[in-house]
Amino acid sequence: MFKSLLKRRLPPAAENERPITNASVHPDYGSMVSRIVAGDADAEAELVTLFKGRIVHIILRITNNPSLVEDFSQDTFLIIIRKIRDGDVKKPESLGSFVASVARNHAIEQIRGIKRAVIEDLELAEQLPDPSPSALEQLQTSEKYDEIREVIGQLRPRDKVLTGRFYINEEPKDVICADLGLTSAQFDRVLHRARKRFGALYLKRKAREEGRI
């Protein structure tokens, strides 16, 4: 029921959208928080109306992806209302800052989750212990595997060589370290940075394919 309320009240995402403020309006945050704690649905609706613009702006700024705004906004309001009911808002007069913090943290965590999923795809070959020829063949002929190869090709020269040899060619770590003059710790650091760059490039590629950039 509450999600349907959010869908009616949340505005369509737009890149130039900004929160609407009015210096002459001073909402009674204390009363609103108390009413939400008491289960007042009208107070929840007022919360959505009051903060929807600010939340959309925060999420859009962090994700740079209008297609994610509606779902992230709905989840954010659900989290905010649950936290209010649980008594997490200790200073009702700071409700605006609390709302902004929840929106920001939720958007960042969701983006991190998306990047982690991309990295898990990248590590699929490594996670398969002694894969049978049929499993390896299935991986190498998949569309996602081709995408991974193309994105790896956009990395910096050393990152491209290291990730390509380790993930695509499945060469042993010690062999790569010996060839590139790296210690085990240096290898891990380079690979970690390469994964982060890969995640950013992969997300950018997907956004471009969907016509968002």
N, C-alpha and C. Protein backbone atom coordinates (compact mmCIF):
# COMPACT_ATOMS: atom_id res chain seq x y z
N MET A 1 0.83 -1.20 0.00
CA MET A 1 0.00 0.00 0.00
C MET A 1 0.87 1.26 0.00
N PHE A 2 1.92 1.24 0.85
CA PHE A 2 2.78 2.41 0.92
C PHE A 2 3.54 2.61 -0.38
N LYS A 3 3.96 1.51 -1.05
CA LYS A 3 4.68 1.65 -2.32
C LYS A 3 3.80 2.29 -3.38
N SER A 4 2.50 1.95 -3.37
CA SER A 4 1.61 2.57 -4.34
C SER A 4 1.48 4.06 -4.08
N LEU A 5 1.52 4.45 -2.82
CA LEU A 5 1.50 5.87 -2.46
C LEU A 5 2.72 6.57 -3.01
N LEU A 6 3.89 5.94 -2.88
CA LEU A 6 5.12 6.54 -3.38
C LEU A 6 5.07 6.70 -4.88
N LYS A 7 4.54 5.70 -5.58
CA LYS A 7 4.49 5.77 -7.04
C LYS A 7 3.61 6.92 -7.49
N ARG A 8 2.57 7.21 -6.73
CA ARG A 8 1.70 8.33 -7.11
C ARG A 8 2.37 9.67 -6.84
N ARG A 9 3.19 9.71 -5.79
CA ARG A 9 3.70 11.00 -5.35
C ARG A 9 5.09 11.32 -5.88
N LEU A 10 5.88 10.30 -6.24
CA LEU A 10 7.22 10.58 -6.72
C LEU A 10 7.17 11.14 -8.13
N PRO A 11 7.90 12.23 -8.42
CA PRO A 11 7.89 12.83 -9.75
C PRO A 11 8.78 12.06 -10.69
N PRO A 12 8.57 12.17 -12.01
CA PRO A 12 9.48 11.54 -12.96
C PRO A 12 10.86 12.15 -12.83
N ALA A 13 11.91 11.30 -12.98
CA ALA A 13 13.28 11.79 -12.82
C ALA A 13 13.65 12.68 -13.98
N ALA A 14 14.39 13.73 -13.68
CA ALA A 14 14.90 14.63 -14.72
C ALA A 14 16.26 15.10 -14.28
N GLU A 15 17.17 15.24 -15.22
CA GLU A 15 18.54 15.55 -14.89
C GLU A 15 18.68 16.91 -14.23
N ASN A 16 17.81 17.83 -14.57
CA ASN A 16 17.95 19.17 -14.02
C ASN A 16 17.02 19.41 -12.84
N GLU A 17 16.47 18.33 -12.26
CA GLU A 17 15.53 18.50 -11.16
C GLU A 17 16.28 18.91 -9.90
N ARG A 18 15.72 19.81 -9.15
CA ARG A 18 16.31 20.28 -7.90
C ARG A 18 15.22 20.31 -6.84
N PRO A 19 15.59 20.13 -5.58
CA PRO A 19 14.59 20.18 -4.53
C PRO A 19 13.95 21.55 -4.44
N ILE A 20 12.65 21.57 -4.22
CA ILE A 20 11.91 22.82 -4.12
C ILE A 20 11.89 23.25 -2.66
N THR A 21 12.33 24.45 -2.40
CA THR A 21 12.36 24.94 -1.02
C THR A 21 11.57 26.22 -0.93
N ASN A 22 11.12 26.52 0.27
CA ASN A 22 10.37 27.74 0.51
C ASN A 22 10.75 28.24 1.90
N ALA A 23 11.49 29.33 1.93
CA ALA A 23 12.03 29.80 3.21
C ALA A 23 10.93 30.20 4.18
N SER A 24 9.71 30.49 3.66
CA SER A 24 8.64 30.94 4.55
C SER A 24 7.90 29.79 5.20
N VAL A 25 8.19 28.55 4.77
CA VAL A 25 7.50 27.39 5.32
C VAL A 25 8.41 26.70 6.32
N HIS A 26 7.90 26.47 7.52
CA HIS A 26 8.68 25.81 8.56
C HIS A 26 7.86 24.63 9.08
N PRO A 27 7.98 23.45 8.48
CA PRO A 27 7.19 22.30 8.91
C PRO A 27 7.47 21.94 10.36
N ASP A 28 6.46 21.43 11.02
CA ASP A 28 6.61 20.97 12.40
C ASP A 28 7.13 19.54 12.35
N TYR A 29 8.46 19.41 12.28
CA TYR A 29 9.06 18.09 12.18
C TYR A 29 8.75 17.23 13.40
N GLY A 30 8.72 17.85 14.57
CA GLY A 30 8.45 17.09 15.78
C GLY A 30 7.09 16.42 15.73
N SER A 31 6.09 17.17 15.30
CA SER A 31 4.74 16.61 15.18
C SER A 31 4.69 15.52 14.12
N MET A 32 5.37 15.76 12.98
CA MET A 32 5.37 14.77 11.91
C MET A 32 6.00 13.46 12.37
N VAL A 33 7.13 13.55 13.05
CA VAL A 33 7.80 12.35 13.54
C VAL A 33 6.90 11.60 14.53
N SER A 34 6.29 12.32 15.44
CA SER A 34 5.41 11.69 16.44
C SER A 34 4.24 10.98 15.77
N ARG A 35 3.67 11.61 14.75
CA ARG A 35 2.53 11.02 14.06
C ARG A 35 2.94 9.77 13.28
N ILE A 36 4.13 9.80 12.68
CA ILE A 36 4.60 8.61 11.95
C ILE A 36 4.86 7.47 12.93
N VAL A 37 5.44 7.77 14.07
CA VAL A 37 5.67 6.75 15.09
C VAL A 37 4.35 6.12 15.52
N ALA A 38 3.29 6.96 15.54
CA ALA A 38 1.97 6.48 15.94
C ALA A 38 1.24 5.75 14.82
N GLY A 39 1.86 5.68 13.63
CA GLY A 39 1.25 4.96 12.52
C GLY A 39 0.32 5.79 11.66
N ASP A 40 0.47 7.11 11.68
CA ASP A 40 -0.39 8.00 10.91
C ASP A 40 0.02 7.98 9.43
N ALA A 41 -0.82 7.41 8.57
CA ALA A 41 -0.51 7.32 7.14
C ALA A 41 -0.46 8.70 6.49
N ASP A 42 -1.27 9.64 6.97
CA ASP A 42 -1.25 10.99 6.40
C ASP A 42 0.10 11.67 6.66
N ALA A 43 0.68 11.41 7.82
CA ALA A 43 1.99 11.98 8.12
C ALA A 43 3.05 11.40 7.20
N GLU A 44 2.93 10.12 6.87
CA GLU A 44 3.88 9.50 5.94
C GLU A 44 3.75 10.15 4.56
N ALA A 45 2.51 10.41 4.14
CA ALA A 45 2.28 11.05 2.85
C ALA A 45 2.87 12.46 2.84
N GLU A 46 2.74 13.18 3.95
CA GLU A 46 3.31 14.52 4.06
C GLU A 46 4.83 14.46 3.96
N LEU A 47 5.42 13.44 4.57
CA LEU A 47 6.87 13.27 4.51
C LEU A 47 7.33 13.09 3.06
N VAL A 48 6.61 12.25 2.32
CA VAL A 48 6.96 12.01 0.91
C VAL A 48 6.86 13.31 0.11
N THR A 49 5.76 14.03 0.30
CA THR A 49 5.56 15.28 -0.44
C THR A 49 6.63 16.31 -0.11
N LEU A 50 7.00 16.37 1.16
CA LEU A 50 7.95 17.39 1.61
C LEU A 50 9.37 17.13 1.11
N PHE A 51 9.78 15.85 1.07
CA PHE A 51 11.18 15.55 0.80
C PHE A 51 11.44 14.86 -0.54
N LYS A 52 10.40 14.64 -1.34
CA LYS A 52 10.60 13.88 -2.57
C LYS A 52 11.59 14.56 -3.51
N GLY A 53 11.51 15.89 -3.65
CA GLY A 53 12.42 16.59 -4.55
C GLY A 53 13.86 16.48 -4.11
N ARG A 54 14.09 16.62 -2.82
CA ARG A 54 15.46 16.55 -2.30
C ARG A 54 16.04 15.16 -2.49
N ILE A 55 15.23 14.13 -2.24
CA ILE A 55 15.71 12.76 -2.37
C ILE A 55 16.01 12.41 -3.82
N VAL A 56 15.13 12.81 -4.73
CA VAL A 56 15.38 12.57 -6.16
C VAL A 56 16.68 13.24 -6.59
N HIS A 57 16.89 14.46 -6.16
CA HIS A 57 18.11 15.19 -6.52
C HIS A 57 19.36 14.47 -6.01
N ILE A 58 19.33 14.03 -4.76
CA ILE A 58 20.49 13.34 -4.18
C ILE A 58 20.80 12.05 -4.93
N ILE A 59 19.76 11.26 -5.18
CA ILE A 59 19.96 9.97 -5.84
C ILE A 59 20.45 10.16 -7.27
N LEU A 60 19.88 11.12 -7.97
CA LEU A 60 20.28 11.36 -9.35
C LEU A 60 21.72 11.86 -9.42
N ARG A 61 22.11 12.68 -8.46
CA ARG A 61 23.48 13.20 -8.45
C ARG A 61 24.49 12.07 -8.19
N ILE A 62 24.14 11.12 -7.34
CA ILE A 62 25.06 10.04 -7.00
C ILE A 62 25.11 8.97 -8.09
N THR A 63 23.95 8.61 -8.63
CA THR A 63 23.89 7.52 -9.61
C THR A 63 24.10 7.97 -11.04
N ASN A 64 23.74 9.23 -11.33
CA ASN A 64 23.77 9.74 -12.71
C ASN A 64 23.01 8.81 -13.63
N ASN A 65 21.91 8.25 -13.12
CA ASN A 65 21.15 7.26 -13.87
C ASN A 65 19.66 7.44 -13.56
N PRO A 66 18.92 8.16 -14.41
CA PRO A 66 17.50 8.41 -14.14
C PRO A 66 16.66 7.15 -13.99
N SER A 67 17.07 6.05 -14.63
CA SER A 67 16.28 4.82 -14.56
C SER A 67 16.31 4.19 -13.16
N LEU A 68 17.26 4.59 -12.32
CA LEU A 68 17.36 4.03 -10.98
C LEU A 68 16.63 4.87 -9.94
N VAL A 69 16.24 6.08 -10.31
CA VAL A 69 15.73 7.04 -9.32
C VAL A 69 14.45 6.56 -8.65
N GLU A 70 13.49 6.06 -9.42
CA GLU A 70 12.20 5.69 -8.82
C GLU A 70 12.35 4.58 -7.79
N ASP A 71 13.04 3.50 -8.16
CA ASP A 71 13.20 2.39 -7.22
C ASP A 71 14.01 2.80 -5.99
N PHE A 72 15.10 3.53 -6.22
CA PHE A 72 15.93 3.96 -5.09
C PHE A 72 15.15 4.90 -4.18
N SER A 73 14.32 5.77 -4.76
CA SER A 73 13.53 6.72 -3.96
C SER A 73 12.51 5.98 -3.11
N GLN A 74 11.83 5.02 -3.70
CA GLN A 74 10.84 4.25 -2.94
C GLN A 74 11.51 3.53 -1.78
N ASP A 75 12.64 2.88 -2.06
CA ASP A 75 13.35 2.17 -1.00
C ASP A 75 13.81 3.13 0.09
N THR A 76 14.26 4.32 -0.32
CA THR A 76 14.74 5.31 0.65
C THR A 76 13.63 5.73 1.60
N PHE A 77 12.44 6.01 1.07
CA PHE A 77 11.33 6.41 1.94
C PHE A 77 10.92 5.27 2.87
N LEU A 78 10.94 4.05 2.38
CA LEU A 78 10.61 2.92 3.24
C LEU A 78 11.60 2.81 4.40
N ILE A 79 12.88 3.01 4.09
CA ILE A 79 13.92 2.96 5.13
C ILE A 79 13.72 4.09 6.13
N ILE A 80 13.46 5.30 5.61
CA ILE A 80 13.28 6.46 6.49
C ILE A 80 12.11 6.25 7.45
N ILE A 81 10.99 5.81 6.92
CA ILE A 81 9.80 5.62 7.77
C ILE A 81 10.04 4.51 8.79
N ARG A 82 10.72 3.45 8.37
CA ARG A 82 11.01 2.38 9.33
C ARG A 82 11.91 2.89 10.45
N LYS A 83 12.91 3.69 10.08
CA LYS A 83 13.82 4.23 11.10
C LYS A 83 13.09 5.19 12.04
N ILE A 84 12.19 5.99 11.49
CA ILE A 84 11.42 6.90 12.35
C ILE A 84 10.58 6.09 13.33
N ARG A 85 9.91 5.06 12.83
CA ARG A 85 9.09 4.22 13.70
C ARG A 85 9.92 3.52 14.78
N ASP A 86 11.18 3.20 14.43
CA ASP A 86 12.06 2.51 15.38
C ASP A 86 12.71 3.47 16.37
N GLY A 87 12.41 4.77 16.22
CA GLY A 87 12.95 5.74 17.16
C GLY A 87 14.36 6.20 16.86
N ASP A 88 14.80 6.05 15.60
CA ASP A 88 16.17 6.43 15.24
C ASP A 88 16.34 7.93 15.06
N VAL A 89 15.25 8.67 14.94
CA VAL A 89 15.34 10.13 14.80
C VAL A 89 15.32 10.73 16.20
N LYS A 90 16.50 11.02 16.71
CA LYS A 90 16.62 11.53 18.08
C LYS A 90 16.33 13.03 18.15
N LYS A 91 16.60 13.74 17.04
CA LYS A 91 16.38 15.18 17.01
C LYS A 91 15.44 15.50 15.84
N PRO A 92 14.14 15.52 16.07
CA PRO A 92 13.18 15.78 14.99
C PRO A 92 13.46 17.07 14.22
N GLU A 93 14.03 18.08 14.89
CA GLU A 93 14.31 19.34 14.21
C GLU A 93 15.37 19.16 13.11
N SER A 94 16.11 18.05 13.17
CA SER A 94 17.13 17.76 12.15
C SER A 94 16.65 16.70 11.16
N LEU A 95 15.33 16.58 11.01
CA LEU A 95 14.78 15.56 10.13
C LEU A 95 15.29 15.70 8.70
N GLY A 96 15.44 16.93 8.22
CA GLY A 96 15.92 17.14 6.86
C GLY A 96 17.30 16.55 6.64
N SER A 97 18.20 16.76 7.59
CA SER A 97 19.54 16.20 7.49
C SER A 97 19.51 14.69 7.57
N PHE A 98 18.63 14.16 8.42
CA PHE A 98 18.49 12.72 8.55
C PHE A 98 18.03 12.09 7.24
N VAL A 99 17.03 12.69 6.61
CA VAL A 99 16.50 12.20 5.34
C VAL A 99 17.58 12.21 4.26
N ALA A 100 18.32 13.31 4.18
CA ALA A 100 19.38 13.43 3.17
C ALA A 100 20.46 12.37 3.39
N SER A 101 20.80 12.12 4.65
CA SER A 101 21.83 11.13 4.96
C SER A 101 21.39 9.73 4.56
N VAL A 102 20.14 9.38 4.84
CA VAL A 102 19.63 8.06 4.47
C VAL A 102 19.62 7.90 2.95
N ALA A 103 19.16 8.93 2.24
CA ALA A 103 19.11 8.87 0.78
C ALA A 103 20.50 8.70 0.19
N ARG A 104 21.44 9.46 0.70
CA ARG A 104 22.82 9.39 0.20
C ARG A 104 23.44 8.02 0.47
N ASN A 105 23.30 7.53 1.70
CA ASN A 105 23.91 6.25 2.06
C ASN A 105 23.29 5.09 1.28
N HIS A 106 21.97 5.15 1.10
CA HIS A 106 21.30 4.06 0.37
C HIS A 106 21.74 4.03 -1.09
N ALA A 107 21.81 5.20 -1.72
CA ALA A 107 22.23 5.25 -3.13
C ALA A 107 23.66 4.75 -3.29
N ILE A 108 24.54 5.17 -2.40
CA ILE A 108 25.94 4.74 -2.48
C ILE A 108 26.05 3.23 -2.31
N GLU A 109 25.31 2.68 -1.34
CA GLU A 109 25.37 1.24 -1.08
C GLU A 109 24.82 0.45 -2.27
N GLN A 110 23.76 0.94 -2.90
CA GLN A 110 23.20 0.24 -4.05
C GLN A 110 24.17 0.25 -5.23
N ILE A 111 24.83 1.37 -5.46
CA ILE A 111 25.81 1.44 -6.54
C ILE A 111 26.98 0.51 -6.26
N ARG A 112 27.40 0.45 -5.01
CA ARG A 112 28.47 -0.49 -4.66
C ARG A 112 28.04 -1.92 -4.92
N GLY A 113 26.77 -2.22 -4.63
CA GLY A 113 26.27 -3.56 -4.88
C GLY A 113 26.29 -3.91 -6.36
N ILE A 114 25.94 -2.94 -7.20
CA ILE A 114 25.98 -3.17 -8.65
C ILE A 114 27.40 -3.45 -9.10
N LYS A 115 28.35 -2.67 -8.58
CA LYS A 115 29.75 -2.87 -8.96
C LYS A 115 30.26 -4.22 -8.47
N ARG A 116 29.83 -4.63 -7.26
CA ARG A 116 30.26 -5.93 -6.75
C ARG A 116 29.75 -7.05 -7.65
N ALA A 117 28.53 -6.90 -8.16
CA ALA A 117 27.97 -7.91 -9.05
C ALA A 117 28.78 -8.01 -10.33
N VAL A 118 29.24 -6.86 -10.83
CA VAL A 118 30.06 -6.86 -12.05
C VAL A 118 31.37 -7.59 -11.79
N ILE A 119 31.99 -7.31 -10.63
CA ILE A 119 33.26 -7.96 -10.30
C ILE A 119 33.07 -9.46 -10.15
N GLU A 120 31.94 -9.89 -9.61
CA GLU A 120 31.68 -11.32 -9.47
C GLU A 120 31.61 -11.98 -10.85
N ASP A 121 31.02 -11.28 -11.81
CA ASP A 121 31.01 -11.82 -13.18
C ASP A 121 32.42 -11.93 -13.72
N LEU A 122 33.24 -10.92 -13.43
CA LEU A 122 34.62 -10.93 -13.90
C LEU A 122 35.39 -12.11 -13.33
N GLU A 123 35.07 -12.48 -12.08
CA GLU A 123 35.81 -13.54 -11.41
C GLU A 123 35.20 -14.93 -11.64
N LEU A 124 34.23 -15.03 -12.52
CA LEU A 124 33.55 -16.30 -12.71
C LEU A 124 34.51 -17.41 -13.09
N ALA A 125 35.42 -17.13 -14.01
CA ALA A 125 36.35 -18.17 -14.44
C ALA A 125 37.24 -18.63 -13.28
N GLU A 126 37.65 -17.66 -12.44
CA GLU A 126 38.51 -17.99 -11.32
C GLU A 126 37.77 -18.83 -10.29
N GLN A 127 36.47 -18.60 -10.12
CA GLN A 127 35.69 -19.28 -9.10
C GLN A 127 35.33 -20.71 -9.48
N LEU A 128 35.48 -21.06 -10.75
CA LEU A 128 35.17 -22.41 -11.18
C LEU A 128 36.40 -23.30 -10.99
N PRO A 129 36.42 -24.16 -9.97
CA PRO A 129 37.59 -25.01 -9.76
C PRO A 129 37.68 -26.10 -10.81
N ASP A 130 38.79 -26.11 -11.55
CA ASP A 130 39.00 -27.12 -12.59
C ASP A 130 37.76 -27.32 -13.44
N PRO A 131 37.30 -26.30 -14.14
CA PRO A 131 36.05 -26.44 -14.90
C PRO A 131 36.19 -27.47 -16.01
N SER A 132 35.12 -28.16 -16.26
CA SER A 132 35.13 -29.13 -17.36
C SER A 132 35.16 -28.38 -18.67
N PRO A 133 35.59 -29.02 -19.75
CA PRO A 133 35.63 -28.32 -21.05
C PRO A 133 34.29 -27.72 -21.43
N SER A 134 33.20 -28.40 -21.12
CA SER A 134 31.89 -27.87 -21.51
C SER A 134 31.56 -26.60 -20.75
N ALA A 135 31.92 -26.54 -19.44
CA ALA A 135 31.65 -25.34 -18.65
C ALA A 135 32.51 -24.18 -19.13
N LEU A 136 33.79 -24.45 -19.40
CA LEU A 136 34.67 -23.41 -19.87
C LEU A 136 34.24 -22.91 -21.24
N GLU A 137 33.84 -23.83 -22.09
CA GLU A 137 33.39 -23.43 -23.43
C GLU A 137 32.15 -22.56 -23.34
N GLN A 138 31.25 -22.92 -22.41
CA GLN A 138 30.03 -22.12 -22.24
C GLN A 138 30.38 -20.71 -21.79
N LEU A 139 31.34 -20.58 -20.87
CA LEU A 139 31.75 -19.26 -20.40
C LEU A 139 32.36 -18.44 -21.52
N GLN A 140 33.27 -19.06 -22.30
CA GLN A 140 34.01 -18.34 -23.31
C GLN A 140 33.15 -17.93 -24.50
N THR A 141 32.04 -18.59 -24.71
CA THR A 141 31.18 -18.25 -25.83
C THR A 141 30.00 -17.38 -25.41
N SER A 142 29.92 -17.05 -24.12
CA SER A 142 28.79 -16.25 -23.66
C SER A 142 28.98 -14.79 -24.05
N GLU A 143 27.86 -14.08 -24.16
CA GLU A 143 27.90 -12.65 -24.50
C GLU A 143 28.60 -11.86 -23.41
N LYS A 144 28.38 -12.23 -22.14
CA LYS A 144 29.00 -11.51 -21.04
C LYS A 144 30.51 -11.65 -21.08
N TYR A 145 31.00 -12.81 -21.47
CA TYR A 145 32.44 -13.03 -21.56
C TYR A 145 33.05 -12.08 -22.60
N ASP A 146 32.36 -11.93 -23.73
CA ASP A 146 32.85 -11.01 -24.77
C ASP A 146 32.87 -9.57 -24.25
N GLU A 147 31.84 -9.20 -23.48
CA GLU A 147 31.79 -7.86 -22.91
C GLU A 147 32.97 -7.64 -21.96
N ILE A 148 33.26 -8.66 -21.15
CA ILE A 148 34.37 -8.55 -20.20
C ILE A 148 35.69 -8.35 -20.94
N ARG A 149 35.90 -9.10 -22.01
CA ARG A 149 37.13 -8.96 -22.79
C ARG A 149 37.25 -7.54 -23.36
N GLU A 150 36.15 -7.01 -23.87
CA GLU A 150 36.18 -5.68 -24.48
C GLU A 150 36.48 -4.61 -23.43
N VAL A 151 35.87 -4.73 -22.25
CA VAL A 151 36.11 -3.73 -21.21
C VAL A 151 37.54 -3.83 -20.69
N ILE A 152 38.05 -5.04 -20.53
CA ILE A 152 39.45 -5.21 -20.11
C ILE A 152 40.37 -4.51 -21.10
N GLY A 153 40.03 -4.56 -22.38
CA GLY A 153 40.85 -3.92 -23.40
C GLY A 153 40.92 -2.41 -23.26
N GLN A 154 40.02 -1.82 -22.47
CA GLN A 154 40.02 -0.36 -22.27
C GLN A 154 40.83 0.06 -21.04
N LEU A 155 41.34 -0.91 -20.29
CA LEU A 155 42.10 -0.58 -19.09
C LEU A 155 43.48 -0.05 -19.45
N ARG A 156 44.17 0.48 -18.44
CA ARG A 156 45.54 0.93 -18.64
C ARG A 156 46.42 -0.25 -19.03
N PRO A 157 47.53 -0.01 -19.74
CA PRO A 157 48.33 -1.12 -20.27
C PRO A 157 48.67 -2.20 -19.26
N ARG A 158 49.22 -1.83 -18.09
CA ARG A 158 49.60 -2.86 -17.13
C ARG A 158 48.38 -3.58 -16.57
N ASP A 159 47.31 -2.82 -16.30
CA ASP A 159 46.08 -3.44 -15.80
C ASP A 159 45.49 -4.39 -16.82
N LYS A 160 45.55 -3.98 -18.09
CA LYS A 160 45.01 -4.82 -19.16
C LYS A 160 45.78 -6.13 -19.27
N VAL A 161 47.10 -6.04 -19.20
CA VAL A 161 47.92 -7.24 -19.30
C VAL A 161 47.66 -8.17 -18.12
N LEU A 162 47.65 -7.59 -16.91
CA LEU A 162 47.50 -8.41 -15.71
C LEU A 162 46.14 -9.08 -15.65
N THR A 163 45.07 -8.31 -15.83
CA THR A 163 43.72 -8.90 -15.75
C THR A 163 43.46 -9.86 -16.89
N GLY A 164 43.96 -9.53 -18.08
CA GLY A 164 43.77 -10.43 -19.22
C GLY A 164 44.44 -11.77 -19.01
N ARG A 165 45.67 -11.74 -18.52
CA ARG A 165 46.40 -12.99 -18.30
C ARG A 165 45.81 -13.79 -17.14
N PHE A 166 45.36 -13.07 -16.10
CA PHE A 166 44.88 -13.76 -14.91
C PHE A 166 43.46 -14.31 -15.09
N TYR A 167 42.56 -13.48 -15.65
CA TYR A 167 41.16 -13.89 -15.77
C TYR A 167 40.83 -14.56 -17.10
N ILE A 168 41.36 -14.02 -18.19
CA ILE A 168 41.01 -14.56 -19.50
C ILE A 168 41.87 -15.77 -19.84
N ASN A 169 43.20 -15.63 -19.69
CA ASN A 169 44.10 -16.75 -20.02
C ASN A 169 44.26 -17.74 -18.88
N GLU A 170 43.81 -17.33 -17.67
CA GLU A 170 43.87 -18.19 -16.48
C GLU A 170 45.29 -18.63 -16.16
N GLU A 171 46.25 -17.70 -16.31
CA GLU A 171 47.63 -18.01 -15.97
C GLU A 171 47.83 -17.93 -14.46
N PRO A 172 48.73 -18.73 -13.90
CA PRO A 172 48.97 -18.72 -12.45
C PRO A 172 49.51 -17.36 -12.00
N LYS A 173 49.14 -17.00 -10.79
CA LYS A 173 49.56 -15.72 -10.22
C LYS A 173 51.08 -15.61 -10.15
N ASP A 174 51.76 -16.69 -9.72
CA ASP A 174 53.21 -16.61 -9.56
C ASP A 174 53.93 -16.42 -10.89
N VAL A 175 53.37 -16.99 -11.96
CA VAL A 175 53.97 -16.82 -13.28
C VAL A 175 53.86 -15.37 -13.74
N ILE A 176 52.68 -14.78 -13.53
CA ILE A 176 52.47 -13.38 -13.92
C ILE A 176 53.37 -12.46 -13.11
N CYS A 177 53.48 -12.73 -11.81
CA CYS A 177 54.34 -11.91 -10.95
C CYS A 177 55.78 -11.95 -11.43
N ALA A 178 56.25 -13.14 -11.79
CA ALA A 178 57.64 -13.29 -12.24
C ALA A 178 57.86 -12.52 -13.55
N ASP A 179 56.92 -12.61 -14.47
CA ASP A 179 57.07 -11.94 -15.76
C ASP A 179 57.02 -10.42 -15.63
N LEU A 180 56.16 -9.92 -14.72
CA LEU A 180 55.96 -8.48 -14.59
C LEU A 180 56.81 -7.86 -13.48
N GLY A 181 57.57 -8.69 -12.78
CA GLY A 181 58.42 -8.17 -11.71
C GLY A 181 57.64 -7.66 -10.52
N LEU A 182 56.57 -8.36 -10.16
CA LEU A 182 55.71 -7.94 -9.05
C LEU A 182 55.82 -8.92 -7.90
N THR A 183 55.72 -8.39 -6.67
CA THR A 183 55.57 -9.26 -5.52
C THR A 183 54.11 -9.67 -5.43
N SER A 184 53.82 -10.63 -4.56
CA SER A 184 52.44 -11.07 -4.39
C SER A 184 51.56 -9.93 -3.91
N ALA A 185 52.08 -9.12 -2.97
CA ALA A 185 51.30 -7.99 -2.44
C ALA A 185 51.06 -6.94 -3.52
N GLN A 186 52.08 -6.67 -4.34
CA GLN A 186 51.92 -5.70 -5.42
C GLN A 186 50.90 -6.19 -6.44
N PHE A 187 50.94 -7.47 -6.73
CA PHE A 187 49.96 -8.06 -7.65
C PHE A 187 48.54 -7.83 -7.14
N ASP A 188 48.34 -8.09 -5.85
CA ASP A 188 47.00 -7.93 -5.26
C ASP A 188 46.53 -6.48 -5.34
N ARG A 189 47.45 -5.53 -5.09
CA ARG A 189 47.07 -4.12 -5.14
C ARG A 189 46.72 -3.69 -6.56
N VAL A 190 47.54 -4.11 -7.52
CA VAL A 190 47.26 -3.75 -8.92
C VAL A 190 45.94 -4.36 -9.37
N LEU A 191 45.70 -5.61 -8.99
CA LEU A 191 44.46 -6.28 -9.39
C LEU A 191 43.25 -5.60 -8.76
N HIS A 192 43.39 -5.17 -7.50
CA HIS A 192 42.29 -4.49 -6.82
C HIS A 192 41.94 -3.19 -7.53
N ARG A 193 42.96 -2.40 -7.88
CA ARG A 193 42.70 -1.14 -8.59
C ARG A 193 42.11 -1.41 -9.97
N ALA A 194 42.59 -2.45 -10.63
CA ALA A 194 42.08 -2.78 -11.96
C ALA A 194 40.61 -3.17 -11.89
N ARG A 195 40.23 -3.89 -10.84
CA ARG A 195 38.83 -4.28 -10.68
C ARG A 195 37.94 -3.05 -10.53
N LYS A 196 38.40 -2.08 -9.75
CA LYS A 196 37.61 -0.86 -9.56
C LYS A 196 37.45 -0.11 -10.88
N ARG A 197 38.55 0.00 -11.64
CA ARG A 197 38.45 0.68 -12.93
C ARG A 197 37.55 -0.09 -13.88
N PHE A 198 37.65 -1.42 -13.83
CA PHE A 198 36.80 -2.25 -14.68
C PHE A 198 35.33 -2.01 -14.36
N GLY A 199 35.00 -1.97 -13.06
CA GLY A 199 33.61 -1.75 -12.66
C GLY A 199 33.06 -0.45 -13.18
N ALA A 200 33.86 0.62 -13.08
CA ALA A 200 33.42 1.93 -13.56
C ALA A 200 33.22 1.92 -15.08
N LEU A 201 34.15 1.30 -15.80
CA LEU A 201 34.04 1.24 -17.26
C LEU A 201 32.85 0.38 -17.69
N TYR A 202 32.60 -0.69 -16.95
CA TYR A 202 31.49 -1.58 -17.29
C TYR A 202 30.15 -0.87 -17.12
N LEU A 203 30.00 -0.13 -16.01
CA LEU A 203 28.77 0.62 -15.78
C LEU A 203 28.57 1.68 -16.86
N LYS A 204 29.66 2.34 -17.25
CA LYS A 204 29.58 3.36 -18.29
C LYS A 204 29.17 2.74 -19.61
N ARG A 205 29.69 1.56 -19.90
CA ARG A 205 29.34 0.85 -21.14
C ARG A 205 27.85 0.53 -21.16
N LYS A 206 27.33 0.02 -20.03
CA LYS A 206 25.92 -0.33 -19.95
C LYS A 206 25.04 0.91 -20.11
N ALA A 207 25.45 2.01 -19.50
CA ALA A 207 24.68 3.24 -19.62
C ALA A 207 24.65 3.71 -21.07
N ARG A 208 25.78 3.58 -21.77
CA ARG A 208 25.85 3.99 -23.17
C ARG A 208 24.96 3.10 -24.04
N GLU A 209 24.95 1.80 -23.75
CA GLU A 209 24.12 0.87 -24.52
C GLU A 209 22.63 1.18 -24.36
N GLU A 210 22.27 1.66 -23.16
CA GLU A 210 20.87 1.97 -22.89
C GLU A 210 20.50 3.39 -23.30
N GLY A 211 21.47 4.11 -23.89
CA GLY A 211 21.20 5.45 -24.37
C GLY A 211 21.11 6.50 -23.30
N ARG A 212 21.71 6.21 -22.11
CA ARG A 212 21.64 7.18 -21.02
C ARG A 212 22.79 8.16 -21.04
N ILE A 213 23.85 7.87 -21.83
CA ILE A 213 24.95 8.83 -21.97
C ILE A 213 25.37 8.86 -23.43
